[in-house]
Amino acid sequence: AGSFDPNKNTTGTETYYRSIKGKAFSDRVN
C-alpha cells in the first residue's frame, strides 16, 4: 500500500528474501 496512484509508477509485485536459499525461491515467485 502507499501508491495513491498519482503517476502509476508505484505499482507491481516485489519479493523479499534474507538468505541465499531464500533468494532462489524469491526469484522464482517474483
Full PDB file with SEQRES, HELIX, SHEET, SSBOND, CRYST1, ORIGX, SCALE, CONECT and MASTER records, all heavy atoms in Angstrom:
SEQRES   1 A   30  ALA GLY SER PHE ASP PRO ASN LYS ASN THR THR GLY THR          
SEQRES   2 A   30  GLU THR TYR TYR ARG SER ILE LYS GLY LYS ALA PHE SER          
SEQRES   3 A   30  ASP ARG VAL ASN                                              
HELIX    1 AA1 ILE A   20  VAL A   29  1                                  10    
CRYST1    1.000    1.000    1.000  90.00  90.00  90.00 P 1           1          
ORIGX1      1.000000  0.000000  0.000000        0.00000                         
ORIGX2      0.000000  1.000000  0.000000        0.00000                         
ORIGX3      0.000000  0.000000  1.000000        0.00000                         
SCALE1      1.000000  0.000000  0.000000        0.00000                         
SCALE2      0.000000  1.000000  0.000000        0.00000                         
SCALE3      0.000000  0.000000  1.000000        0.00000                         
ATOM      1  N   ALA A   1       0.853  -1.189   0.000  1.00  0.00           N  
ATOM      2  CA  ALA A   1       0.000   0.000   0.000  1.00  0.00           C  
ATOM      3  C   ALA A   1       0.888   1.237   0.000  1.00  0.00           C  
ATOM      4  O   ALA A   1       2.062   1.156   0.342  1.00  0.00           O  
ATOM      5  CB  ALA A   1      -0.919   0.010   1.219  1.00  0.00           C  
ATOM      6  N   GLY A   2       0.303   2.331  -0.385  1.00  0.00           N  
ATOM      7  CA  GLY A   2       1.046   3.587  -0.357  1.00  0.00           C  
ATOM      8  C   GLY A   2       1.244   4.195  -1.721  1.00  0.00           C  
ATOM      9  O   GLY A   2       1.978   5.155  -1.873  1.00  0.00           O  
ATOM     10  N   SER A   3       0.578   3.671  -2.726  1.00  0.00           N  
ATOM     11  CA  SER A   3       0.794   4.201  -4.076  1.00  0.00           C  
ATOM     12  C   SER A   3      -0.028   5.457  -4.324  1.00  0.00           C  
ATOM     13  O   SER A   3       0.449   6.386  -4.939  1.00  0.00           O  
ATOM     14  CB  SER A   3       0.442   3.149  -5.124  1.00  0.00           C  
ATOM     15  OG  SER A   3      -0.954   2.994  -5.231  1.00  0.00           O  
ATOM     16  N   PHE A   4      -1.260   5.462  -3.894  1.00  0.00           N  
ATOM     17  CA  PHE A   4      -2.202   6.560  -4.132  1.00  0.00           C  
ATOM     18  C   PHE A   4      -2.336   6.887  -5.617  1.00  0.00           C  
ATOM     19  O   PHE A   4      -2.947   7.861  -5.986  1.00  0.00           O  
ATOM     20  CB  PHE A   4      -1.842   7.811  -3.321  1.00  0.00           C  
ATOM     21  CG  PHE A   4      -1.722   7.510  -1.862  1.00  0.00           C  
ATOM     22  CD1 PHE A   4      -0.496   7.527  -1.239  1.00  0.00           C  
ATOM     23  CD2 PHE A   4      -2.841   7.181  -1.120  1.00  0.00           C  
ATOM     24  CE1 PHE A   4      -0.378   7.229   0.099  1.00  0.00           C  
ATOM     25  CE2 PHE A   4      -2.727   6.874   0.232  1.00  0.00           C  
ATOM     26  CZ  PHE A   4      -1.498   6.906   0.839  1.00  0.00           C  
ATOM     27  N   ASP A   5      -1.726   6.094  -6.467  1.00  0.00           N  
ATOM     28  CA  ASP A   5      -1.884   6.140  -7.916  1.00  0.00           C  
ATOM     29  C   ASP A   5      -1.712   7.520  -8.550  1.00  0.00           C  
ATOM     30  O   ASP A   5      -2.382   7.835  -9.511  1.00  0.00           O  
ATOM     31  CB  ASP A   5      -3.251   5.559  -8.282  1.00  0.00           C  
ATOM     32  CG  ASP A   5      -3.242   4.944  -9.668  1.00  0.00           C  
ATOM     33  OD1 ASP A   5      -2.200   4.452 -10.115  1.00  0.00           O  
ATOM     34  OD2 ASP A   5      -4.295   4.967 -10.317  1.00  0.00           O  
ATOM     35  N   PRO A   6      -0.801   8.385  -8.075  1.00  0.00           N  
ATOM     36  CA  PRO A   6      -0.673   9.711  -8.683  1.00  0.00           C  
ATOM     37  C   PRO A   6      -0.063   9.678 -10.080  1.00  0.00           C  
ATOM     38  O   PRO A   6      -0.449  10.457 -10.938  1.00  0.00           O  
ATOM     39  CB  PRO A   6       0.232  10.474  -7.720  1.00  0.00           C  
ATOM     40  CG  PRO A   6       1.058   9.402  -7.090  1.00  0.00           C  
ATOM     41  CD  PRO A   6       0.148   8.195  -7.005  1.00  0.00           C  
ATOM     42  N   ASN A   7       0.876   8.770 -10.304  1.00  0.00           N  
ATOM     43  CA  ASN A   7       1.546   8.745 -11.606  1.00  0.00           C  
ATOM     44  C   ASN A   7       1.695   7.325 -12.145  1.00  0.00           C  
ATOM     45  O   ASN A   7       2.410   7.107 -13.114  1.00  0.00           O  
ATOM     46  CB  ASN A   7       2.928   9.389 -11.498  1.00  0.00           C  
ATOM     47  CG  ASN A   7       3.765   8.741 -10.419  1.00  0.00           C  
ATOM     48  OD1 ASN A   7       3.440   7.647  -9.948  1.00  0.00           O  
ATOM     49  ND2 ASN A   7       4.825   9.392 -10.005  1.00  0.00           N  
ATOM     50  N   LYS A   8       1.058   6.390 -11.505  1.00  0.00           N  
ATOM     51  CA  LYS A   8       1.054   4.975 -11.910  1.00  0.00           C  
ATOM     52  C   LYS A   8       2.443   4.342 -11.889  1.00  0.00           C  
ATOM     53  O   LYS A   8       2.664   3.321 -12.510  1.00  0.00           O  
ATOM     54  CB  LYS A   8       0.394   4.810 -13.273  1.00  0.00           C  
ATOM     55  CG  LYS A   8      -1.036   5.269 -13.282  1.00  0.00           C  
ATOM     56  CD  LYS A   8      -1.679   5.030 -14.612  1.00  0.00           C  
ATOM     57  CE  LYS A   8      -3.098   5.555 -14.543  1.00  0.00           C  
ATOM     58  NZ  LYS A   8      -3.829   5.419 -15.745  1.00  0.00           N  
ATOM     59  N   ASN A   9       3.396   4.925 -11.182  1.00  0.00           N  
ATOM     60  CA  ASN A   9       4.722   4.339 -11.072  1.00  0.00           C  
ATOM     61  C   ASN A   9       4.859   3.440  -9.857  1.00  0.00           C  
ATOM     62  O   ASN A   9       5.763   2.632  -9.784  1.00  0.00           O  
ATOM     63  CB  ASN A   9       5.801   5.433 -11.008  1.00  0.00           C  
ATOM     64  CG  ASN A   9       5.985   6.093 -12.349  1.00  0.00           C  
ATOM     65  OD1 ASN A   9       5.786   5.491 -13.382  1.00  0.00           O  
ATOM     66  ND2 ASN A   9       6.364   7.361 -12.325  1.00  0.00           N  
ATOM     67  N   THR A  10       3.986   3.597  -8.879  1.00  0.00           N  
ATOM     68  CA  THR A  10       4.074   2.790  -7.668  1.00  0.00           C  
ATOM     69  C   THR A  10       3.046   1.672  -7.767  1.00  0.00           C  
ATOM     70  O   THR A  10       1.980   1.732  -7.181  1.00  0.00           O  
ATOM     71  CB  THR A  10       3.840   3.647  -6.417  1.00  0.00           C  
ATOM     72  OG1 THR A  10       4.655   4.802  -6.504  1.00  0.00           O  
ATOM     73  CG2 THR A  10       4.218   2.890  -5.168  1.00  0.00           C  
ATOM     74  N   THR A  11       3.382   0.680  -8.557  1.00  0.00           N  
ATOM     75  CA  THR A  11       2.529  -0.488  -8.748  1.00  0.00           C  
ATOM     76  C   THR A  11       3.418  -1.715  -8.772  1.00  0.00           C  
ATOM     77  O   THR A  11       4.637  -1.614  -8.819  1.00  0.00           O  
ATOM     78  CB  THR A  11       1.763  -0.405 -10.080  1.00  0.00           C  
ATOM     79  OG1 THR A  11       2.693  -0.454 -11.159  1.00  0.00           O  
ATOM     80  CG2 THR A  11       0.933   0.851 -10.186  1.00  0.00           C  
ATOM     81  N   GLY A  12       2.816  -2.859  -8.754  1.00  0.00           N  
ATOM     82  CA  GLY A  12       3.567  -4.072  -9.014  1.00  0.00           C  
ATOM     83  C   GLY A  12       3.817  -4.969  -7.829  1.00  0.00           C  
ATOM     84  O   GLY A  12       3.320  -4.754  -6.728  1.00  0.00           O  
ATOM     85  N   THR A  13       4.619  -5.983  -8.101  1.00  0.00           N  
ATOM     86  CA  THR A  13       4.930  -7.018  -7.126  1.00  0.00           C  
ATOM     87  C   THR A  13       6.414  -6.993  -6.781  1.00  0.00           C  
ATOM     88  O   THR A  13       7.247  -6.657  -7.625  1.00  0.00           O  
ATOM     89  CB  THR A  13       4.533  -8.405  -7.678  1.00  0.00           C  
ATOM     90  OG1 THR A  13       4.662  -9.377  -6.661  1.00  0.00           O  
ATOM     91  CG2 THR A  13       5.344  -8.807  -8.881  1.00  0.00           C  
ATOM     92  N   GLU A  14       6.715  -7.315  -5.540  1.00  0.00           N  
ATOM     93  CA  GLU A  14       8.108  -7.437  -5.100  1.00  0.00           C  
ATOM     94  C   GLU A  14       8.181  -8.537  -4.058  1.00  0.00           C  
ATOM     95  O   GLU A  14       7.223  -8.787  -3.341  1.00  0.00           O  
ATOM     96  CB  GLU A  14       8.663  -6.120  -4.569  1.00  0.00           C  
ATOM     97  CG  GLU A  14       7.880  -5.514  -3.442  1.00  0.00           C  
ATOM     98  CD  GLU A  14       8.248  -4.069  -3.167  1.00  0.00           C  
ATOM     99  OE1 GLU A  14       9.181  -3.543  -3.771  1.00  0.00           O  
ATOM    100  OE2 GLU A  14       7.575  -3.459  -2.331  1.00  0.00           O  
ATOM    101  N   THR A  15       9.322  -9.205  -4.018  1.00  0.00           N  
ATOM    102  CA  THR A  15       9.507 -10.323  -3.109  1.00  0.00           C  
ATOM    103  C   THR A  15      10.831 -10.147  -2.390  1.00  0.00           C  
ATOM    104  O   THR A  15      11.849  -9.871  -3.019  1.00  0.00           O  
ATOM    105  CB  THR A  15       9.497 -11.652  -3.887  1.00  0.00           C  
ATOM    106  OG1 THR A  15       8.343 -11.685  -4.729  1.00  0.00           O  
ATOM    107  CG2 THR A  15       9.451 -12.834  -2.950  1.00  0.00           C  
ATOM    108  N   TYR A  16      10.797 -10.291  -1.064  1.00  0.00           N  
ATOM    109  CA  TYR A  16      11.995 -10.098  -0.239  1.00  0.00           C  
ATOM    110  C   TYR A  16      12.508 -11.431   0.286  1.00  0.00           C  
ATOM    111  O   TYR A  16      11.735 -12.345   0.558  1.00  0.00           O  
ATOM    112  CB  TYR A  16      11.680  -9.185   0.949  1.00  0.00           C  
ATOM    113  CG  TYR A  16      11.418  -7.770   0.537  1.00  0.00           C  
ATOM    114  CD1 TYR A  16      10.130  -7.329   0.272  1.00  0.00           C  
ATOM    115  CD2 TYR A  16      12.461  -6.870   0.406  1.00  0.00           C  
ATOM    116  CE1 TYR A  16       9.890  -6.026  -0.119  1.00  0.00           C  
ATOM    117  CE2 TYR A  16      12.233  -5.557   0.021  1.00  0.00           C  
ATOM    118  CZ  TYR A  16      10.941  -5.149  -0.244  1.00  0.00           C  
ATOM    119  OH  TYR A  16      10.706  -3.862  -0.629  1.00  0.00           O  
ATOM    120  N   TYR A  17      13.812 -11.523   0.445  1.00  0.00           N  
ATOM    121  CA  TYR A  17      14.462 -12.711   0.984  1.00  0.00           C  
ATOM    122  C   TYR A  17      15.585 -12.286   1.913  1.00  0.00           C  
ATOM    123  O   TYR A  17      16.004 -11.138   1.912  1.00  0.00           O  
ATOM    124  CB  TYR A  17      15.031 -13.584  -0.148  1.00  0.00           C  
ATOM    125  CG  TYR A  17      16.101 -12.891  -0.951  1.00  0.00           C  
ATOM    126  CD1 TYR A  17      17.437 -12.997  -0.598  1.00  0.00           C  
ATOM    127  CD2 TYR A  17      15.773 -12.096  -2.041  1.00  0.00           C  
ATOM    128  CE1 TYR A  17      18.429 -12.331  -1.318  1.00  0.00           C  
ATOM    129  CE2 TYR A  17      16.746 -11.433  -2.762  1.00  0.00           C  
ATOM    130  CZ  TYR A  17      18.064 -11.559  -2.403  1.00  0.00           C  
ATOM    131  OH  TYR A  17      19.044 -10.899  -3.103  1.00  0.00           O  
ATOM    132  N   ARG A  18      16.079 -13.227   2.705  1.00  0.00           N  
ATOM    133  CA  ARG A  18      17.176 -12.927   3.622  1.00  0.00           C  
ATOM    134  C   ARG A  18      18.395 -13.802   3.343  1.00  0.00           C  
ATOM    135  O   ARG A  18      19.516 -13.363   3.437  1.00  0.00           O  
ATOM    136  CB  ARG A  18      16.708 -13.119   5.056  1.00  0.00           C  
ATOM    137  CG  ARG A  18      17.683 -12.633   6.082  1.00  0.00           C  
ATOM    138  CD  ARG A  18      16.972 -12.462   7.417  1.00  0.00           C  
ATOM    139  NE  ARG A  18      17.885 -12.048   8.437  1.00  0.00           N  
ATOM    140  CZ  ARG A  18      18.239 -10.788   8.650  1.00  0.00           C  
ATOM    141  NH1 ARG A  18      17.757  -9.831   7.908  1.00  0.00           N  
ATOM    142  NH2 ARG A  18      19.082 -10.496   9.612  1.00  0.00           N  
ATOM    143  N   SER A  19      18.186 -15.056   2.961  1.00  0.00           N  
ATOM    144  CA  SER A  19      19.297 -15.987   2.774  1.00  0.00           C  
ATOM    145  C   SER A  19      19.476 -16.327   1.289  1.00  0.00           C  
ATOM    146  O   SER A  19      18.605 -16.046   0.468  1.00  0.00           O  
ATOM    147  CB  SER A  19      19.030 -17.276   3.549  1.00  0.00           C  
ATOM    148  OG  SER A  19      17.936 -17.968   2.971  1.00  0.00           O  
ATOM    149  N   ILE A  20      20.573 -16.975   0.979  1.00  0.00           N  
ATOM    150  CA  ILE A  20      20.827 -17.419  -0.395  1.00  0.00           C  
ATOM    151  C   ILE A  20      19.747 -18.405  -0.846  1.00  0.00           C  
ATOM    152  O   ILE A  20      19.242 -18.317  -1.966  1.00  0.00           O  
ATOM    153  CB  ILE A  20      22.230 -18.072  -0.511  1.00  0.00           C  
ATOM    154  CG1 ILE A  20      23.314 -17.051  -0.211  1.00  0.00           C  
ATOM    155  CG2 ILE A  20      22.440 -18.697  -1.869  1.00  0.00           C  
ATOM    156  CD1 ILE A  20      23.379 -15.895  -1.172  1.00  0.00           C  
ATOM    157  N   LYS A  21      19.385 -19.335   0.029  1.00  0.00           N  
ATOM    158  CA  LYS A  21      18.332 -20.288  -0.311  1.00  0.00           C  
ATOM    159  C   LYS A  21      17.007 -19.559  -0.524  1.00  0.00           C  
ATOM    160  O   LYS A  21      16.254 -19.876  -1.443  1.00  0.00           O  
ATOM    161  CB  LYS A  21      18.190 -21.342   0.788  1.00  0.00           C  
ATOM    162  CG  LYS A  21      17.273 -22.464   0.412  1.00  0.00           C  
ATOM    163  CD  LYS A  21      17.279 -23.555   1.469  1.00  0.00           C  
ATOM    164  CE  LYS A  21      16.378 -24.696   1.050  1.00  0.00           C  
ATOM    165  NZ  LYS A  21      16.303 -25.736   2.064  1.00  0.00           N  
ATOM    166  N   GLY A  22      16.714 -18.571   0.306  1.00  0.00           N  
ATOM    167  CA  GLY A  22      15.505 -17.777   0.142  1.00  0.00           C  
ATOM    168  C   GLY A  22      15.503 -17.010  -1.167  1.00  0.00           C  
ATOM    169  O   GLY A  22      14.460 -16.832  -1.795  1.00  0.00           O  
ATOM    170  N   LYS A  23      16.681 -16.562  -1.606  1.00  0.00           N  
ATOM    171  CA  LYS A  23      16.782 -15.814  -2.859  1.00  0.00           C  
ATOM    172  C   LYS A  23      16.300 -16.638  -4.046  1.00  0.00           C  
ATOM    173  O   LYS A  23      15.581 -16.136  -4.914  1.00  0.00           O  
ATOM    174  CB  LYS A  23      18.208 -15.334  -3.100  1.00  0.00           C  
ATOM    175  CG  LYS A  23      18.349 -14.518  -4.384  1.00  0.00           C  
ATOM    176  CD  LYS A  23      19.777 -14.102  -4.649  1.00  0.00           C  
ATOM    177  CE  LYS A  23      19.966 -13.214  -5.851  1.00  0.00           C  
ATOM    178  NZ  LYS A  23      19.110 -13.408  -7.003  1.00  0.00           N  
ATOM    179  N   ALA A  24      16.666 -17.906  -4.081  1.00  0.00           N  
ATOM    180  CA  ALA A  24      16.244 -18.771  -5.189  1.00  0.00           C  
ATOM    181  C   ALA A  24      14.723 -18.848  -5.264  1.00  0.00           C  
ATOM    182  O   ALA A  24      14.139 -18.740  -6.350  1.00  0.00           O  
ATOM    183  CB  ALA A  24      16.850 -20.161  -5.027  1.00  0.00           C  
ATOM    184  N   PHE A  25      14.067 -19.007  -4.128  1.00  0.00           N  
ATOM    185  CA  PHE A  25      12.610 -19.055  -4.103  1.00  0.00           C  
ATOM    186  C   PHE A  25      12.009 -17.691  -4.418  1.00  0.00           C  
ATOM    187  O   PHE A  25      11.027 -17.585  -5.138  1.00  0.00           O  
ATOM    188  CB  PHE A  25      12.120 -19.567  -2.745  1.00  0.00           C  
ATOM    189  CG  PHE A  25      12.353 -21.024  -2.560  1.00  0.00           C  
ATOM    190  CD1 PHE A  25      13.425 -21.479  -1.815  1.00  0.00           C  
ATOM    191  CD2 PHE A  25      11.503 -21.959  -3.134  1.00  0.00           C  
ATOM    192  CE1 PHE A  25      13.653 -22.827  -1.644  1.00  0.00           C  
ATOM    193  CE2 PHE A  25      11.719 -23.316  -2.970  1.00  0.00           C  
ATOM    194  CZ  PHE A  25      12.804 -23.755  -2.227  1.00  0.00           C  
ATOM    195  N   SER A  26      12.593 -16.656  -3.870  1.00  0.00           N  
ATOM    196  CA  SER A  26      12.126 -15.294  -4.113  1.00  0.00           C  
ATOM    197  C   SER A  26      12.160 -14.962  -5.602  1.00  0.00           C  
ATOM    198  O   SER A  26      11.205 -14.418  -6.156  1.00  0.00           O  
ATOM    199  CB  SER A  26      12.992 -14.306  -3.325  1.00  0.00           C  
ATOM    200  OG  SER A  26      12.612 -12.990  -3.573  1.00  0.00           O  
ATOM    201  N   ASP A  27      13.251 -15.308  -6.254  1.00  0.00           N  
ATOM    202  CA  ASP A  27      13.388 -15.042  -7.691  1.00  0.00           C  
ATOM    203  C   ASP A  27      12.299 -15.759  -8.487  1.00  0.00           C  
ATOM    204  O   ASP A  27      11.699 -15.173  -9.389  1.00  0.00           O  
ATOM    205  CB  ASP A  27      14.766 -15.478  -8.199  1.00  0.00           C  
ATOM    206  CG  ASP A  27      15.901 -14.606  -7.692  1.00  0.00           C  
ATOM    207  OD1 ASP A  27      15.644 -13.511  -7.148  1.00  0.00           O  
ATOM    208  OD2 ASP A  27      17.066 -15.035  -7.847  1.00  0.00           O  
ATOM    209  N   ARG A  28      12.042 -17.017  -8.137  1.00  0.00           N  
ATOM    210  CA  ARG A  28      11.039 -17.791  -8.874  1.00  0.00           C  
ATOM    211  C   ARG A  28       9.631 -17.264  -8.659  1.00  0.00           C  
ATOM    212  O   ARG A  28       8.858 -17.126  -9.611  1.00  0.00           O  
ATOM    213  CB  ARG A  28      11.123 -19.261  -8.470  1.00  0.00           C  
ATOM    214  CG  ARG A  28      12.375 -19.928  -9.013  1.00  0.00           C  
ATOM    215  CD  ARG A  28      12.594 -21.332  -8.530  1.00  0.00           C  
ATOM    216  NE  ARG A  28      11.472 -22.203  -8.767  1.00  0.00           N  
ATOM    217  CZ  ARG A  28      11.266 -23.339  -8.103  1.00  0.00           C  
ATOM    218  NH1 ARG A  28      12.116 -23.719  -7.177  1.00  0.00           N  
ATOM    219  NH2 ARG A  28      10.225 -24.092  -8.378  1.00  0.00           N  
ATOM    220  N   VAL A  29       9.286 -16.974  -7.421  1.00  0.00           N  
ATOM    221  CA  VAL A  29       7.952 -16.457  -7.121  1.00  0.00           C  
ATOM    222  C   VAL A  29       7.750 -15.100  -7.785  1.00  0.00           C  
ATOM    223  O   VAL A  29       6.724 -14.840  -8.412  1.00  0.00           O  
ATOM    224  CB  VAL A  29       7.718 -16.370  -5.594  1.00  0.00           C  
ATOM    225  CG1 VAL A  29       6.475 -15.562  -5.263  1.00  0.00           C  
ATOM    226  CG2 VAL A  29       7.631 -17.761  -4.993  1.00  0.00           C  
ATOM    227  N   ASN A  30       8.741 -14.230  -7.659  1.00  0.00           N  
ATOM    228  CA  ASN A  30       8.620 -12.896  -8.237  1.00  0.00           C  
ATOM    229  C   ASN A  30       8.515 -12.962  -9.758  1.00  0.00           C  
ATOM    230  O   ASN A  30       7.743 -12.214 -10.364  1.00  0.00           O  
ATOM    231  CB  ASN A  30       9.790 -12.013  -7.818  1.00  0.00           C  
ATOM    232  CG  ASN A  30       9.463 -10.558  -7.988  1.00  0.00           C  
ATOM    233  OD1 ASN A  30       8.732  -9.989  -7.186  1.00  0.00           O  
ATOM    234  ND2 ASN A  30       9.974  -9.942  -9.048  1.00  0.00           N  
TER     235      ASN A  30                                                      
MASTER        0    0    0    1    0    0    0    6  234    1    0    3          
END                                                                             
